[in-house]
């Protein structure tokens, strides 16, 4: 992952130093900025789903299946709706996800 994209994603997730997308529109109007927003939204959605799993009493499972492109498989089971969500994350995205509050505890020992 590009270091600039990584810093933007980290900054977007940081509640103590929010980065306004309106104020910094020129930053997000570049290919790197668009990529950062895409990764941010995806990780935020996964974060919310992981916390929802924990709240329901089930747990998210991380399958350490790494394919040729270096992607990790993350599988979430939702018992309430009898469904699941499968996501494939690059190593850098998995590191960013693990840094979000509550994720490391939810995936205890699997990261």
PDB file of N, CA and C in Angstrom:
ATOM      1  N   UNK A   1       0.849  -1.173   0.000  1.00  0.00           N
ATOM      2  CA  UNK A   1       0.000   0.000   0.000  1.00  0.00           C
ATOM      3  C   UNK A   1       0.893   1.234   0.000  1.00  0.00           C
ATOM      4  N   UNK A   2       0.500   2.195  -0.773  1.00  0.00           N
ATOM      5  CA  UNK A   2       1.223   3.458  -0.861  1.00  0.00           C
ATOM      6  C   UNK A   2       1.230   4.133   0.521  1.00  0.00           C
ATOM      7  N   UNK A   3       2.381   4.643   0.978  1.00  0.00           N
ATOM      8  CA  UNK A   3       2.462   5.267   2.309  1.00  0.00           C
ATOM      9  C   UNK A   3       1.505   6.459   2.475  1.00  0.00           C
ATOM     10  N   UNK A   4       1.287   7.221   1.407  1.00  0.00           N
ATOM     11  CA  UNK A   4       0.369   8.357   1.476  1.00  0.00           C
ATOM     12  C   UNK A   4      -1.058   7.872   1.694  1.00  0.00           C
ATOM     13  N   UNK A   5      -1.447   6.819   0.980  1.00  0.00           N
ATOM     14  CA  UNK A   5      -2.791   6.251   1.136  1.00  0.00           C
ATOM     15  C   UNK A   5      -2.959   5.725   2.552  1.00  0.00           C
ATOM     16  N   UNK A   6      -1.942   5.053   3.056  1.00  0.00           N
ATOM     17  CA  UNK A   6      -2.002   4.506   4.414  1.00  0.00           C
ATOM     18  C   UNK A   6      -2.177   5.613   5.454  1.00  0.00           C
ATOM     19  N   UNK A   7      -1.423   6.698   5.301  1.00  0.00           N
ATOM     20  CA  UNK A   7      -1.548   7.819   6.255  1.00  0.00           C
ATOM     21  C   UNK A   7      -2.939   8.437   6.193  1.00  0.00           C
ATOM     22  N   UNK A   8      -3.489   8.562   4.989  1.00  0.00           N
ATOM     23  CA  UNK A   8      -4.834   9.124   4.855  1.00  0.00           C
ATOM     24  C   UNK A   8      -5.870   8.230   5.534  1.00  0.00           C
ATOM     25  N   UNK A   9      -5.769   6.928   5.323  1.00  0.00           N
ATOM     26  CA  UNK A   9      -6.723   5.998   5.938  1.00  0.00           C
ATOM     27  C   UNK A   9      -6.604   6.057   7.454  1.00  0.00           C
ATOM     28  N   UNK A  10      -5.388   6.075   7.972  1.00  0.00           N
ATOM     29  CA  UNK A  10      -5.185   6.170   9.424  1.00  0.00           C
ATOM     30  C   UNK A  10      -5.774   7.464   9.962  1.00  0.00           C
ATOM     31  N   UNK A  11      -5.590   8.532   9.239  1.00  0.00           N
ATOM     32  CA  UNK A  11      -6.094   9.841   9.673  1.00  0.00           C
ATOM     33  C   UNK A  11      -7.615   9.885   9.627  1.00  0.00           C
ATOM     34  N   UNK A  12      -8.214   9.250   8.620  1.00  0.00           N
ATOM     35  CA  UNK A  12      -9.670   9.213   8.539  1.00  0.00           C
ATOM     36  C   UNK A  12     -10.273   8.419   9.698  1.00  0.00           C
ATOM     37  N   UNK A  13      -9.577   7.408  10.184  1.00  0.00           N
ATOM     38  CA  UNK A  13     -10.059   6.587  11.294  1.00  0.00           C
ATOM     39  C   UNK A  13      -9.762   7.201  12.655  1.00  0.00           C
ATOM     40  N   UNK A  14      -8.902   8.197  12.727  1.00  0.00           N
ATOM     41  CA  UNK A  14      -8.489   8.777  14.004  1.00  0.00           C
ATOM     42  C   UNK A  14      -9.552   9.754  14.512  1.00  0.00           C
ATOM     43  N   UNK A  15     -10.269   9.409  15.604  1.00  0.00           N
ATOM     44  CA  UNK A  15     -11.327  10.298  16.094  1.00  0.00           C
ATOM     45  C   UNK A  15     -10.794  11.569  16.747  1.00  0.00           C
ATOM     46  N   UNK A  16      -9.552  11.556  17.217  1.00  0.00           N
ATOM     47  CA  UNK A  16      -9.012  12.745  17.875  1.00  0.00           C
ATOM     48  C   UNK A  16      -8.552  13.806  16.877  1.00  0.00           C
ATOM     49  N   UNK A  17      -8.259  13.387  15.636  1.00  0.00           N
ATOM     50  CA  UNK A  17      -7.840  14.340  14.601  1.00  0.00           C
ATOM     51  C   UNK A  17      -8.613  14.063  13.316  1.00  0.00           C
ATOM     52  N   UNK A  18      -9.910  14.365  13.297  1.00  0.00           N
ATOM     53  CA  UNK A  18     -10.702  14.052  12.110  1.00  0.00           C
ATOM     54  C   UNK A  18     -10.229  14.843  10.895  1.00  0.00           C
ATOM     55  N   UNK A  19     -10.307  14.212   9.763  1.00  0.00           N
ATOM     56  CA  UNK A  19      -9.892  14.828   8.510  1.00  0.00           C
ATOM     57  C   UNK A  19     -11.154  15.081   7.695  1.00  0.00           C
ATOM     58  N   UNK A  20     -11.512  16.330   7.537  1.00  0.00           N
ATOM     59  CA  UNK A  20     -12.728  16.686   6.818  1.00  0.00           C
ATOM     60  C   UNK A  20     -12.541  16.476   5.317  1.00  0.00           C
ATOM     61  N   UNK A  21     -13.422  15.660   4.742  1.00  0.00           N
ATOM     62  CA  UNK A  21     -13.342  15.422   3.302  1.00  0.00           C
ATOM     63  C   UNK A  21     -13.754  16.670   2.525  1.00  0.00           C
ATOM     64  N   UNK A  22     -14.592  17.525   3.128  1.00  0.00           N
ATOM     65  CA  UNK A  22     -15.000  18.760   2.452  1.00  0.00           C
ATOM     66  C   UNK A  22     -13.866  19.786   2.430  1.00  0.00           C
ATOM     67  N   UNK A  23     -13.193  19.935   3.547  1.00  0.00           N
ATOM     68  CA  UNK A  23     -12.117  20.908   3.638  1.00  0.00           C
ATOM     69  C   UNK A  23     -10.915  20.495   2.790  1.00  0.00           C
ATOM     70  N   UNK A  24     -10.660  19.205   2.707  1.00  0.00           N
ATOM     71  CA  UNK A  24      -9.498  18.694   1.985  1.00  0.00           C
ATOM     72  C   UNK A  24      -9.910  18.009   0.682  1.00  0.00           C
ATOM     73  N   UNK A  25     -10.886  18.607   0.001  1.00  0.00           N
ATOM     74  CA  UNK A  25     -11.410  17.990  -1.222  1.00  0.00           C
ATOM     75  C   UNK A  25     -10.334  17.782  -2.267  1.00  0.00           C
ATOM     76  N   UNK A  26      -9.354  18.680  -2.324  1.00  0.00           N
ATOM     77  CA  UNK A  26      -8.283  18.548  -3.317  1.00  0.00           C
ATOM     78  C   UNK A  26      -7.431  17.300  -3.065  1.00  0.00           C
ATOM     79  N   UNK A  27      -7.288  16.912  -1.802  1.00  0.00           N
ATOM     80  CA  UNK A  27      -6.532  15.713  -1.461  1.00  0.00           C
ATOM     81  C   UNK A  27      -7.256  14.469  -1.944  1.00  0.00           C
ATOM     82  N   UNK A  28      -8.575  14.454  -1.804  1.00  0.00           N
ATOM     83  CA  UNK A  28      -9.358  13.281  -2.163  1.00  0.00           C
ATOM     84  C   UNK A  28      -9.778  13.278  -3.627  1.00  0.00           C
ATOM     85  N   UNK A  29      -9.330  14.271  -4.378  1.00  0.00           N
ATOM     86  CA  UNK A  29      -9.637  14.339  -5.809  1.00  0.00           C
ATOM     87  C   UNK A  29      -8.510  13.733  -6.647  1.00  0.00           C
ATOM     88  N   UNK A  30      -7.574  13.066  -6.006  1.00  0.00           N
ATOM     89  CA  UNK A  30      -6.473  12.398  -6.693  1.00  0.00           C
ATOM     90  C   UNK A  30      -6.728  10.888  -6.675  1.00  0.00           C
ATOM     91  N   UNK A  31      -6.047  10.133  -7.520  1.00  0.00           N
ATOM     92  CA  UNK A  31      -6.224   8.673  -7.474  1.00  0.00           C
ATOM     93  C   UNK A  31      -5.888   8.077  -6.102  1.00  0.00           C
ATOM     94  N   UNK A  32      -4.850   8.604  -5.461  1.00  0.00           N
ATOM     95  CA  UNK A  32      -4.485   8.109  -4.132  1.00  0.00           C
ATOM     96  C   UNK A  32      -5.563   8.444  -3.111  1.00  0.00           C
ATOM     97  N   UNK A  33      -6.123   9.646  -3.205  1.00  0.00           N
ATOM     98  CA  UNK A  33      -7.187  10.062  -2.293  1.00  0.00           C
ATOM     99  C   UNK A  33      -8.437   9.216  -2.460  1.00  0.00           C
ATOM    100  N   UNK A  34      -8.796   8.928  -3.704  1.00  0.00           N
ATOM    101  CA  UNK A  34      -9.953   8.071  -3.955  1.00  0.00           C
ATOM    102  C   UNK A  34      -9.717   6.660  -3.423  1.00  0.00           C
ATOM    103  N   UNK A  35      -8.500   6.160  -3.582  1.00  0.00           N
ATOM    104  CA  UNK A  35      -8.160   4.836  -3.059  1.00  0.00           C
ATOM    105  C   UNK A  35      -8.255   4.828  -1.535  1.00  0.00           C
ATOM    106  N   UNK A  36      -7.771   5.894  -0.887  1.00  0.00           N
ATOM    107  CA  UNK A  36      -7.834   5.986   0.571  1.00  0.00           C
ATOM    108  C   UNK A  36      -9.287   5.974   1.056  1.00  0.00           C
ATOM    109  N   UNK A  37     -10.163   6.710   0.374  1.00  0.00           N
ATOM    110  CA  UNK A  37     -11.574   6.720   0.758  1.00  0.00           C
ATOM    111  C   UNK A  37     -12.207   5.346   0.593  1.00  0.00           C
ATOM    112  N   UNK A  38     -11.845   4.667  -0.489  1.00  0.00           N
ATOM    113  CA  UNK A  38     -12.381   3.329  -0.743  1.00  0.00           C
ATOM    114  C   UNK A  38     -11.956   2.361   0.361  1.00  0.00           C
ATOM    115  N   UNK A  39     -10.682   2.378   0.718  1.00  0.00           N
ATOM    116  CA  UNK A  39     -10.157   1.496   1.771  1.00  0.00           C
ATOM    117  C   UNK A  39     -10.784   1.869   3.110  1.00  0.00           C
ATOM    118  N   UNK A  40     -10.901   3.164   3.392  1.00  0.00           N
ATOM    119  CA  UNK A  40     -11.492   3.636   4.647  1.00  0.00           C
ATOM    120  C   UNK A  40     -12.919   3.135   4.802  1.00  0.00           C
ATOM    121  N   UNK A  41     -13.723   3.296   3.767  1.00  0.00           N
ATOM    122  CA  UNK A  41     -15.125   2.871   3.830  1.00  0.00           C
ATOM    123  C   UNK A  41     -15.231   1.358   4.021  1.00  0.00           C
ATOM    124  N   UNK A  42     -14.395   0.622   3.337  1.00  0.00           N
ATOM    125  CA  UNK A  42     -14.410  -0.837   3.438  1.00  0.00           C
ATOM    126  C   UNK A  42     -14.024  -1.293   4.851  1.00  0.00           C
ATOM    127  N   UNK A  43     -12.959  -0.702   5.397  1.00  0.00           N
ATOM    128  CA  UNK A  43     -12.517  -1.067   6.744  1.00  0.00           C
ATOM    129  C   UNK A  43     -13.526  -0.633   7.807  1.00  0.00           C
ATOM    130  N   UNK A  44     -14.146   0.511   7.589  1.00  0.00           N
ATOM    131  CA  UNK A  44     -15.154   0.990   8.539  1.00  0.00           C
ATOM    132  C   UNK A  44     -16.356   0.036   8.560  1.00  0.00           C
ATOM    133  N   UNK A  45     -16.768  -0.427   7.398  1.00  0.00           N
ATOM    134  CA  UNK A  45     -17.874  -1.372   7.303  1.00  0.00           C
ATOM    135  C   UNK A  45     -17.520  -2.694   7.988  1.00  0.00           C
ATOM    136  N   UNK A  46     -16.308  -3.199   7.735  1.00  0.00           N
ATOM    137  CA  UNK A  46     -15.852  -4.431   8.391  1.00  0.00           C
ATOM    138  C   UNK A  46     -15.773  -4.252   9.907  1.00  0.00           C
ATOM    139  N   UNK A  47     -15.274  -3.106  10.332  1.00  0.00           N
ATOM    140  CA  UNK A  47     -15.165  -2.806  11.763  1.00  0.00           C
ATOM    141  C   UNK A  47     -16.547  -2.851  12.409  1.00  0.00           C
ATOM    142  N   UNK A  48     -17.522  -2.206  11.781  1.00  0.00           N
ATOM    143  CA  UNK A  48     -18.879  -2.206  12.317  1.00  0.00           C
ATOM    144  C   UNK A  48     -19.453  -3.621  12.374  1.00  0.00           C
ATOM    145  N   UNK A  49     -19.207  -4.415  11.343  1.00  0.00           N
ATOM    146  CA  UNK A  49     -19.720  -5.784  11.319  1.00  0.00           C
ATOM    147  C   UNK A  49     -19.046  -6.662  12.361  1.00  0.00           C
ATOM    148  N   UNK A  50     -17.756  -6.481  12.579  1.00  0.00           N
ATOM    149  CA  UNK A  50     -17.043  -7.253  13.603  1.00  0.00           C
ATOM    150  C   UNK A  50     -17.597  -6.924  14.986  1.00  0.00           C
ATOM    151  N   UNK A  51     -17.813  -5.635  15.245  1.00  0.00           N
ATOM    152  CA  UNK A  51     -18.370  -5.241  16.542  1.00  0.00           C
ATOM    153  C   UNK A  51     -19.800  -5.741  16.693  1.00  0.00           C
ATOM    154  N   UNK A  52     -20.565  -5.793  15.596  1.00  0.00           N
ATOM    155  CA  UNK A  52     -21.931  -6.322  15.645  1.00  0.00           C
ATOM    156  C   UNK A  52     -21.910  -7.813  15.970  1.00  0.00           C
ATOM    157  N   UNK A  53     -20.950  -8.543  15.411  1.00  0.00           N
ATOM    158  CA  UNK A  53     -20.806  -9.972  15.729  1.00  0.00           C
ATOM    159  C   UNK A  53     -20.544 -10.160  17.206  1.00  0.00           C
ATOM    160  N   UNK A  54     -19.651  -9.376  17.756  1.00  0.00           N
ATOM    161  CA  UNK A  54     -19.306  -9.480  19.168  1.00  0.00           C
ATOM    162  C   UNK A  54     -20.516  -9.143  20.027  1.00  0.00           C
ATOM    163  N   UNK A  55     -21.260  -8.125  19.626  1.00  0.00           N
ATOM    164  CA  UNK A  55     -22.434  -7.715  20.383  1.00  0.00           C
ATOM    165  C   UNK A  55     -23.503  -8.806  20.379  1.00  0.00           C
ATOM    166  N   UNK A  56     -23.610  -9.558  19.272  1.00  0.00           N
ATOM    167  CA  UNK A  56     -24.572 -10.658  19.177  1.00  0.00           C
ATOM    168  C   UNK A  56     -24.126 -11.879  19.973  1.00  0.00           C
ATOM    169  N   UNK A  57     -22.872 -11.906  20.355  1.00  0.00           N
ATOM    170  CA  UNK A  57     -22.373 -13.034  21.119  1.00  0.00           C
ATOM    171  C   UNK A  57     -21.605 -14.043  20.282  1.00  0.00           C
ATOM    172  N   UNK A  58     -21.519 -13.832  18.987  1.00  0.00           N
ATOM    173  CA  UNK A  58     -20.721 -14.720  18.145  1.00  0.00           C
ATOM    174  C   UNK A  58     -19.360 -14.077  17.942  1.00  0.00           C
ATOM    175  N   UNK A  59     -18.502 -14.737  17.205  1.00  0.00           N
ATOM    176  CA  UNK A  59     -17.199 -14.124  16.988  1.00  0.00           C
ATOM    177  C   UNK A  59     -16.813 -14.215  15.523  1.00  0.00           C
ATOM    178  N   UNK A  60     -16.042 -13.243  15.125  1.00  0.00           N
ATOM    179  CA  UNK A  60     -15.535 -13.223  13.759  1.00  0.00           C
ATOM    180  C   UNK A  60     -14.381 -14.198  13.662  1.00  0.00           C
ATOM    181  N   UNK A  61     -14.234 -14.817  12.530  1.00  0.00           N
ATOM    182  CA  UNK A  61     -13.129 -15.754  12.326  1.00  0.00           C
ATOM    183  C   UNK A  61     -12.258 -15.275  11.182  1.00  0.00           C
ATOM    184  N   UNK A  62     -10.972 -15.368  11.390  1.00  0.00           N
ATOM    185  CA  UNK A  62     -10.008 -15.009  10.360  1.00  0.00           C
ATOM    186  C   UNK A  62      -9.386 -16.291   9.845  1.00  0.00           C
ATOM    187  N   UNK A  63      -9.571 -16.548   8.582  1.00  0.00           N
ATOM    188  CA  UNK A  63      -8.961 -17.723   7.972  1.00  0.00           C
ATOM    189  C   UNK A  63      -7.652 -17.277   7.333  1.00  0.00           C
ATOM    190  N   UNK A  64      -6.575 -17.871   7.745  1.00  0.00           N
ATOM    191  CA  UNK A  64      -5.252 -17.496   7.251  1.00  0.00           C
ATOM    192  C   UNK A  64      -4.945 -18.152   5.917  1.00  0.00           C
ATOM    193  N   UNK A  65      -5.864 -18.055   5.018  1.00  0.00           N
ATOM    194  CA  UNK A  65      -5.617 -18.557   3.673  1.00  0.00           C
ATOM    195  C   UNK A  65      -5.058 -17.382   2.876  1.00  0.00           C
ATOM    196  N   UNK A  66      -3.794 -17.455   2.523  1.00  0.00           N
ATOM    197  CA  UNK A  66      -3.146 -16.374   1.779  1.00  0.00           C
ATOM    198  C   UNK A  66      -2.964 -16.851   0.350  1.00  0.00           C
ATOM    199  N   UNK A  67      -3.597 -16.128  -0.576  1.00  0.00           N
ATOM    200  CA  UNK A  67      -3.497 -16.541  -1.978  1.00  0.00           C
ATOM    201  C   UNK A  67      -2.255 -15.944  -2.633  1.00  0.00           C
ATOM    202  N   UNK A  68      -2.128 -16.140  -3.937  1.00  0.00           N
ATOM    203  CA  UNK A  68      -0.933 -15.709  -4.673  1.00  0.00           C
ATOM    204  C   UNK A  68      -0.715 -14.200  -4.610  1.00  0.00           C
ATOM    205  N   UNK A  69      -1.797 -13.431  -4.495  1.00  0.00           N
ATOM    206  CA  UNK A  69      -1.643 -11.972  -4.448  1.00  0.00           C
ATOM    207  C   UNK A  69      -1.419 -11.470  -3.018  1.00  0.00           C
ATOM    208  N   UNK A  70      -1.365 -12.371  -2.032  1.00  0.00           N
ATOM    209  CA  UNK A  70      -1.081 -11.979  -0.655  1.00  0.00           C
ATOM    210  C   UNK A  70      -2.296 -11.533   0.127  1.00  0.00           C
ATOM    211  N   UNK A  71      -3.490 -11.943  -0.298  1.00  0.00           N
ATOM    212  CA  UNK A  71      -4.707 -11.537   0.393  1.00  0.00           C
ATOM    213  C   UNK A  71      -5.076 -12.536   1.486  1.00  0.00           C
ATOM    214  N   UNK A  72      -5.617 -12.013   2.579  1.00  0.00           N
ATOM    215  CA  UNK A  72      -6.084 -12.820   3.710  1.00  0.00           C
ATOM    216  C   UNK A  72      -7.601 -12.905   3.623  1.00  0.00           C
ATOM    217  N   UNK A  73      -8.158 -14.012   4.056  1.00  0.00           N
ATOM    218  CA  UNK A  73      -9.607 -14.210   4.021  1.00  0.00           C
ATOM    219  C   UNK A  73     -10.174 -13.986   5.411  1.00  0.00           C
ATOM    220  N   UNK A  74     -11.127 -13.075   5.535  1.00  0.00           N
ATOM    221  CA  UNK A  74     -11.801 -12.774   6.789  1.00  0.00           C
ATOM    222  C   UNK A  74     -13.260 -13.180   6.640  1.00  0.00           C
ATOM    223  N   UNK A  75     -13.727 -14.035   7.540  1.00  0.00           N
ATOM    224  CA  UNK A  75     -15.101 -14.533   7.458  1.00  0.00           C
ATOM    225  C   UNK A  75     -15.844 -14.168   8.733  1.00  0.00           C
ATOM    226  N   UNK A  76     -16.988 -13.523   8.576  1.00  0.00           N
ATOM    227  CA  UNK A  76     -17.827 -13.137   9.705  1.00  0.00           C
ATOM    228  C   UNK A  76     -19.129 -13.917   9.626  1.00  0.00           C
ATOM    229  N   UNK A  77     -19.544 -14.511  10.743  1.00  0.00           N
ATOM    230  CA  UNK A  77     -20.813 -15.241  10.804  1.00  0.00           C
ATOM    231  C   UNK A  77     -21.810 -14.426  11.617  1.00  0.00           C
ATOM    232  N   UNK A  78     -22.984 -14.229  11.054  1.00  0.00           N
ATOM    233  CA  UNK A  78     -24.057 -13.513  11.734  1.00  0.00           C
ATOM    234  C   UNK A  78     -25.142 -14.522  12.073  1.00  0.00           C
ATOM    235  N   UNK A  79     -25.212 -14.922  13.343  1.00  0.00           N
ATOM    236  CA  UNK A  79     -26.170 -15.939  13.758  1.00  0.00           C
ATOM    237  C   UNK A  79     -27.601 -15.419  13.704  1.00  0.00           C
ATOM    238  N   UNK A  80     -27.791 -14.144  13.988  1.00  0.00           N
ATOM    239  CA  UNK A  80     -29.130 -13.566  14.034  1.00  0.00           C
ATOM    240  C   UNK A  80     -29.826 -13.666  12.686  1.00  0.00           C
ATOM    241  N   UNK A  81     -29.103 -13.424  11.616  1.00  0.00           N
ATOM    242  CA  UNK A  81     -29.701 -13.472  10.278  1.00  0.00           C
ATOM    243  C   UNK A  81     -29.266 -14.701   9.493  1.00  0.00           C
ATOM    244  N   UNK A  82     -28.538 -15.581  10.141  1.00  0.00           N
ATOM    245  CA  UNK A  82     -28.022 -16.805   9.535  1.00  0.00           C
ATOM    246  C   UNK A  82     -27.293 -16.511   8.225  1.00  0.00           C
ATOM    247  N   UNK A  83     -26.380 -15.576   8.312  1.00  0.00           N
ATOM    248  CA  UNK A  83     -25.604 -15.198   7.131  1.00  0.00           C
ATOM    249  C   UNK A  83     -24.137 -15.074   7.463  1.00  0.00           C
ATOM    250  N   UNK A  84     -23.375 -14.780   6.442  1.00  0.00           N
ATOM    251  CA  UNK A  84     -21.946 -14.576   6.646  1.00  0.00           C
ATOM    252  C   UNK A  84     -21.433 -13.555   5.644  1.00  0.00           C
ATOM    253  N   UNK A  85     -20.308 -12.983   5.987  1.00  0.00           N
ATOM    254  CA  UNK A  85     -19.631 -12.024   5.125  1.00  0.00           C
ATOM    255  C   UNK A  85     -18.192 -12.486   4.980  1.00  0.00           C
ATOM    256  N   UNK A  86     -17.750 -12.575   3.749  1.00  0.00           N
ATOM    257  CA  UNK A  86     -16.379 -12.983   3.474  1.00  0.00           C
ATOM    258  C   UNK A  86     -15.685 -11.823   2.779  1.00  0.00           C
ATOM    259  N   UNK A  87     -14.538 -11.434   3.299  1.00  0.00           N
ATOM    260  CA  UNK A  87     -13.754 -10.357   2.703  1.00  0.00           C
ATOM    261  C   UNK A  87     -12.323 -10.824   2.515  1.00  0.00           C
ATOM    262  N   UNK A  88     -11.720 -10.348   1.476  1.00  0.00           N
ATOM    263  CA  UNK A  88     -10.316 -10.643   1.206  1.00  0.00           C
ATOM    264  C   UNK A  88      -9.542  -9.348   1.389  1.00  0.00           C
ATOM    265  N   UNK A  89      -8.573  -9.383   2.301  1.00  0.00           N
ATOM    266  CA  UNK A  89      -7.806  -8.188   2.644  1.00  0.00           C
ATOM    267  C   UNK A  89      -6.332  -8.378   2.332  1.00  0.00           C
ATOM    268  N   UNK A  90      -5.720  -7.316   1.871  1.00  0.00           N
ATOM    269  CA  UNK A  90      -4.268  -7.315   1.710  1.00  0.00           C
ATOM    270  C   UNK A  90      -3.653  -7.183   3.106  1.00  0.00           C
ATOM    271  N   UNK A  91      -2.393  -7.525   3.225  1.00  0.00           N
ATOM    272  CA  UNK A  91      -1.717  -7.502   4.531  1.00  0.00           C
ATOM    273  C   UNK A  91      -1.781  -6.117   5.173  1.00  0.00           C
ATOM    274  N   UNK A  92      -1.571  -5.063   4.392  1.00  0.00           N
ATOM    275  CA  UNK A  92      -1.597  -3.705   4.931  1.00  0.00           C
ATOM    276  C   UNK A  92      -3.002  -3.338   5.420  1.00  0.00           C
ATOM    277  N   UNK A  93      -4.034  -3.779   4.701  1.00  0.00           N
ATOM    278  CA  UNK A  93      -5.405  -3.500   5.121  1.00  0.00           C
ATOM    279  C   UNK A  93      -5.727  -4.248   6.414  1.00  0.00           C
ATOM    280  N   UNK A  94      -5.229  -5.469   6.532  1.00  0.00           N
ATOM    281  CA  UNK A  94      -5.447  -6.248   7.751  1.00  0.00           C
ATOM    282  C   UNK A  94      -4.773  -5.580   8.946  1.00  0.00           C
ATOM    283  N   UNK A  95      -3.578  -5.027   8.746  1.00  0.00           N
ATOM    284  CA  UNK A  95      -2.886  -4.297   9.819  1.00  0.00           C
ATOM    285  C   UNK A  95      -3.701  -3.084  10.259  1.00  0.00           C
ATOM    286  N   UNK A  96      -4.240  -2.335   9.285  1.00  0.00           N
ATOM    287  CA  UNK A  96      -5.046  -1.164   9.615  1.00  0.00           C
ATOM    288  C   UNK A  96      -6.311  -1.572  10.354  1.00  0.00           C
ATOM    289  N   UNK A  97      -6.955  -2.657   9.908  1.00  0.00           N
ATOM    290  CA  UNK A  97      -8.165  -3.145  10.566  1.00  0.00           C
ATOM    291  C   UNK A  97      -7.864  -3.576  11.997  1.00  0.00           C
ATOM    292  N   UNK A  98      -6.746  -4.251  12.200  1.00  0.00           N
ATOM    293  CA  UNK A  98      -6.366  -4.724  13.536  1.00  0.00           C
ATOM    294  C   UNK A  98      -6.116  -3.563  14.492  1.00  0.00           C
ATOM    295  N   UNK A  99      -5.759  -2.400  13.966  1.00  0.00           N
ATOM    296  CA  UNK A  99      -5.499  -1.231  14.796  1.00  0.00           C
ATOM    297  C   UNK A  99      -6.753  -0.514  15.254  1.00  0.00           C
ATOM    298  N   UNK A 100      -7.910  -0.882  14.718  1.00  0.00           N
ATOM    299  CA  UNK A 100      -9.155  -0.222  15.104  1.00  0.00           C
ATOM    300  C   UNK A 100      -9.640  -0.764  16.445  1.00  0.00           C
ATOM    301  N   UNK A 101     -10.318   0.064  17.244  1.00  0.00           N
ATOM    302  CA  UNK A 101     -10.736  -0.347  18.582  1.00  0.00           C
ATOM    303  C   UNK A 101     -11.668  -1.562  18.563  1.00  0.00           C
ATOM    304  N   UNK A 102     -11.356  -2.550  19.387  1.00  0.00           N
ATOM    305  CA  UNK A 102     -12.192  -3.724  19.546  1.00  0.00           C
ATOM    306  C   UNK A 102     -11.932  -4.861  18.586  1.00  0.00           C
ATOM    307  N   UNK A 103     -11.179  -4.638  17.518  1.00  0.00           N
ATOM    308  CA  UNK A 103     -10.978  -5.658  16.509  1.00  0.00           C
ATOM    309  C   UNK A 103     -10.012  -6.733  16.997  1.00  0.00           C
ATOM    310  N   UNK A 104      -8.908  -6.320  17.562  1.00  0.00           N
ATOM    311  CA  UNK A 104      -7.909  -7.279  18.024  1.00  0.00           C
ATOM    312  C   UNK A 104      -8.505  -8.200  19.093  1.00  0.00           C
ATOM    313  N   UNK A 105      -9.333  -7.638  19.972  1.00  0.00           N
ATOM    314  CA  UNK A 105      -9.976  -8.443  21.013  1.00  0.00           C
ATOM    315  C   UNK A 105     -10.988  -9.403  20.406  1.00  0.00           C
ATOM    316  N   UNK A 106     -11.716  -8.956  19.381  1.00  0.00           N
ATOM    317  CA  UNK A 106     -12.731  -9.791  18.746  1.00  0.00           C
ATOM    318  C   UNK A 106     -12.108 -10.958  17.994  1.00  0.00           C
ATOM    319  N   UNK A 107     -10.941 -10.746  17.444  1.00  0.00           N
ATOM    320  CA  UNK A 107     -10.265 -11.790  16.683  1.00  0.00           C
ATOM    321  C   UNK A 107      -9.166 -12.437  17.506  1.00  0.00           C
ATOM    322  N   UNK A 108      -9.327 -12.466  18.828  1.00  0.00           N
ATOM    323  CA  UNK A 108      -8.348 -12.941  19.780  1.00  0.00           C
ATOM    324  C   UNK A 108      -7.421 -14.020  19.249  1.00  0.00           C
ATOM    325  N   UNK A 109      -6.169 -13.676  19.194  1.00  0.00           N
ATOM    326  CA  UNK A 109      -5.144 -14.646  18.823  1.00  0.00           C
ATOM    327  C   UNK A 109      -5.085 -15.030  17.362  1.00  0.00           C
ATOM    328  N   UNK A 110      -6.021 -14.542  16.573  1.00  0.00           N
ATOM    329  CA  UNK A 110      -6.023 -14.928  15.159  1.00  0.00           C
ATOM    330  C   UNK A 110      -5.245 -13.936  14.302  1.00  0.00           C
ATOM    331  N   UNK A 111      -4.921 -12.786  14.851  1.00  0.00           N
ATOM    332  CA  UNK A 111      -4.178 -11.779  14.080  1.00  0.00           C
ATOM    333  C   UNK A 111      -2.695 -11.963  14.241  1.00  0.00           C
TER     334      UNK A 111
END
